[in-house]
Amino acid sequence: MFSSLSSKDNGAGGSDLSNKVMGALGPVIAEHWPTIEPYADKALASAHDDAMMEVLARKIYPWLPMLVRMALKEDKFVSFTIEHKAPLLAKLTEYKNKQGS
């Protein structure tokens, strides 16, 4: 069931998982925009501050579906968020710009 999440192929599996996560962000951001919006400005303003990104990731983690939280521990989620902050912030910016239009 979670074979794509538990891939041990150092590199290829990780980038494949990253691509899946990044591809799924658009609909998730759209669905939860009213909840995400107050944090979006803080995230965009702190793009170069890993400590602030960690705080925001830890605030967002409890909102993840239970099944995701069971499969992905908080520390892994925070690490992923910090490691992939550029594409995450790009998605936030893209969606925020759509909302402003």
C-alpha atoms as a PDB file:
ATOM      1  CA  MET A   1       0.000   0.000   0.000  1.00  0.00           C
ATOM      2  CA  PHE A   2       2.807   2.440   0.900  1.00  0.00           C
ATOM      3  CA  SER A   3       5.467   0.915  -1.333  1.00  0.00           C
ATOM      4  CA  SER A   4       6.260   4.267  -2.954  1.00  0.00           C
ATOM      5  CA  LEU A   5       6.782   5.867   0.471  1.00  0.00           C
ATOM      6  CA  SER A   6       9.091   3.166   1.772  1.00  0.00           C
ATOM      7  CA  SER A   7      11.449   3.064  -1.207  1.00  0.00           C
ATOM      8  CA  LYS A   8      15.038   2.443  -0.117  1.00  0.00           C
ATOM      9  CA  ASP A   9      16.558   3.284  -3.520  1.00  0.00           C
ATOM     10  CA  ASN A  10      18.919   6.072  -2.443  1.00  0.00           C
ATOM     11  CA  GLY A  11      18.267   8.936  -4.813  1.00  0.00           C
ATOM     12  CA  ALA A  12      15.928   7.695  -7.516  1.00  0.00           C
ATOM     13  CA  GLY A  13      13.150   6.698  -5.112  1.00  0.00           C
ATOM     14  CA  GLY A  14      13.562   9.893  -3.142  1.00  0.00           C
ATOM     15  CA  SER A  15      13.300  12.122  -6.185  1.00  0.00           C
ATOM     16  CA  ASP A  16      10.315  10.120  -7.430  1.00  0.00           C
ATOM     17  CA  LEU A  17       8.622  10.609  -4.071  1.00  0.00           C
ATOM     18  CA  SER A  18       9.491  14.310  -4.123  1.00  0.00           C
ATOM     19  CA  ASN A  19       7.959  14.633  -7.587  1.00  0.00           C
ATOM     20  CA  LYS A  20       4.772  12.912  -6.399  1.00  0.00           C
ATOM     21  CA  VAL A  21       4.504  15.157  -3.359  1.00  0.00           C
ATOM     22  CA  MET A  22       5.164  18.331  -5.351  1.00  0.00           C
ATOM     23  CA  GLY A  23       2.607  17.268  -7.975  1.00  0.00           C
ATOM     24  CA  ALA A  24      -0.041  16.747  -5.314  1.00  0.00           C
ATOM     25  CA  LEU A  25       0.490  20.133  -3.667  1.00  0.00           C
ATOM     26  CA  GLY A  26      -1.694  22.213  -5.982  1.00  0.00           C
ATOM     27  CA  PRO A  27      -5.004  20.529  -5.115  1.00  0.00           C
ATOM     28  CA  VAL A  28      -4.097  20.343  -1.410  1.00  0.00           C
ATOM     29  CA  ILE A  29      -3.241  24.051  -1.277  1.00  0.00           C
ATOM     30  CA  ALA A  30      -6.461  24.897  -3.115  1.00  0.00           C
ATOM     31  CA  GLU A  31      -8.591  22.787  -0.775  1.00  0.00           C
ATOM     32  CA  HIS A  32      -7.049  24.152   2.422  1.00  0.00           C
ATOM     33  CA  TRP A  33      -6.251  27.711   1.305  1.00  0.00           C
ATOM     34  CA  PRO A  34      -8.329  29.455   4.013  1.00  0.00           C
ATOM     35  CA  THR A  35      -6.300  27.612   6.659  1.00  0.00           C
ATOM     36  CA  ILE A  36      -2.955  28.001   4.874  1.00  0.00           C
ATOM     37  CA  GLU A  37      -3.310  31.652   3.873  1.00  0.00           C
ATOM     38  CA  PRO A  38      -2.286  33.199   7.238  1.00  0.00           C
ATOM     39  CA  TYR A  39       0.914  31.135   7.180  1.00  0.00           C
ATOM     40  CA  ALA A  40       1.641  31.671   3.484  1.00  0.00           C
ATOM     41  CA  ASP A  41       2.811  35.253   3.956  1.00  0.00           C
ATOM     42  CA  LYS A  42       5.056  34.226   6.857  1.00  0.00           C
ATOM     43  CA  ALA A  43       6.506  31.364   4.816  1.00  0.00           C
ATOM     44  CA  LEU A  44       7.167  33.584   1.815  1.00  0.00           C
ATOM     45  CA  ALA A  45       8.708  36.286   4.001  1.00  0.00           C
ATOM     46  CA  SER A  46      11.010  33.790   5.698  1.00  0.00           C
ATOM     47  CA  ALA A  47      12.177  32.007   2.566  1.00  0.00           C
ATOM     48  CA  HIS A  48      15.813  32.104   3.668  1.00  0.00           C
ATOM     49  CA  ASP A  49      15.212  31.381   7.352  1.00  0.00           C
ATOM     50  CA  ASP A  50      15.268  27.636   8.043  1.00  0.00           C
ATOM     51  CA  ALA A  51      14.283  28.147  11.689  1.00  0.00           C
ATOM     52  CA  MET A  52      11.041  29.899  10.701  1.00  0.00           C
ATOM     53  CA  MET A  53      10.334  27.244   8.058  1.00  0.00           C
ATOM     54  CA  GLU A  54      10.750  24.601  10.777  1.00  0.00           C
ATOM     55  CA  VAL A  55       8.275  26.411  13.040  1.00  0.00           C
ATOM     56  CA  LEU A  56       5.743  26.657  10.201  1.00  0.00           C
ATOM     57  CA  ALA A  57       6.201  22.986   9.243  1.00  0.00           C
ATOM     58  CA  ARG A  58       5.603  21.950  12.849  1.00  0.00           C
ATOM     59  CA  LYS A  59       2.400  24.060  12.919  1.00  0.00           C
ATOM     60  CA  ILE A  60       1.172  22.505   9.675  1.00  0.00           C
ATOM     61  CA  TYR A  61       1.983  18.883  10.576  1.00  0.00           C
ATOM     62  CA  PRO A  62      -1.048  18.326  12.867  1.00  0.00           C
ATOM     63  CA  TRP A  63      -3.348  19.303   9.972  1.00  0.00           C
ATOM     64  CA  LEU A  64      -2.089  16.461   7.798  1.00  0.00           C
ATOM     65  CA  PRO A  65      -4.478  13.518   7.453  1.00  0.00           C
ATOM     66  CA  MET A  66      -4.016  10.866  10.151  1.00  0.00           C
ATOM     67  CA  LEU A  67      -2.926   8.242   7.625  1.00  0.00           C
ATOM     68  CA  VAL A  68      -0.156  10.523   6.384  1.00  0.00           C
ATOM     69  CA  ARG A  69       0.957  11.287   9.947  1.00  0.00           C
ATOM     70  CA  MET A  70       1.110   7.571  10.690  1.00  0.00           C
ATOM     71  CA  ALA A  71       3.346   6.977   7.680  1.00  0.00           C
ATOM     72  CA  LEU A  72       5.421  10.152   7.969  1.00  0.00           C
ATOM     73  CA  LYS A  73       6.743  11.227  11.342  1.00  0.00           C
ATOM     74  CA  GLU A  74       6.916  14.917  12.213  1.00  0.00           C
ATOM     75  CA  ASP A  75      10.712  15.169  12.065  1.00  0.00           C
ATOM     76  CA  LYS A  76      10.754  13.652   8.558  1.00  0.00           C
ATOM     77  CA  PHE A  77       8.035  16.077   7.446  1.00  0.00           C
ATOM     78  CA  VAL A  78       9.981  19.040   8.840  1.00  0.00           C
ATOM     79  CA  SER A  79      13.192  17.859   7.157  1.00  0.00           C
ATOM     80  CA  PHE A  80      11.361  17.383   3.845  1.00  0.00           C
ATOM     81  CA  THR A  81       9.804  20.834   4.124  1.00  0.00           C
ATOM     82  CA  ILE A  82      13.133  22.539   4.764  1.00  0.00           C
ATOM     83  CA  GLU A  83      14.933  20.515   2.078  1.00  0.00           C
ATOM     84  CA  HIS A  84      12.264  21.320  -0.524  1.00  0.00           C
ATOM     85  CA  LYS A  85      11.364  24.824   0.591  1.00  0.00           C
ATOM     86  CA  ALA A  86      12.071  26.416  -2.801  1.00  0.00           C
ATOM     87  CA  PRO A  87       9.481  24.350  -4.728  1.00  0.00           C
ATOM     88  CA  LEU A  88       7.025  24.554  -1.821  1.00  0.00           C
ATOM     89  CA  LEU A  89       7.319  28.336  -1.688  1.00  0.00           C
ATOM     90  CA  ALA A  90       6.987  28.484  -5.482  1.00  0.00           C
ATOM     91  CA  LYS A  91       3.691  26.578  -5.244  1.00  0.00           C
ATOM     92  CA  LEU A  92       2.478  28.897  -2.484  1.00  0.00           C
ATOM     93  CA  THR A  93       3.423  31.956  -4.546  1.00  0.00           C
ATOM     94  CA  GLU A  94       1.722  30.537  -7.632  1.00  0.00           C
ATOM     95  CA  TYR A  95      -1.512  29.839  -5.765  1.00  0.00           C
ATOM     96  CA  LYS A  96      -1.441  33.152  -3.904  1.00  0.00           C
ATOM     97  CA  ASN A  97      -1.036  35.006  -7.223  1.00  0.00           C
ATOM     98  CA  LYS A  98      -4.018  33.106  -8.654  1.00  0.00           C
ATOM     99  CA  GLN A  99      -6.129  34.153  -5.696  1.00  0.00           C
ATOM    100  CA  GLY A 100      -5.120  37.786  -6.145  1.00  0.00           C
ATOM    101  CA  SER A 101      -6.158  37.827  -9.833  1.00  0.00           C
END
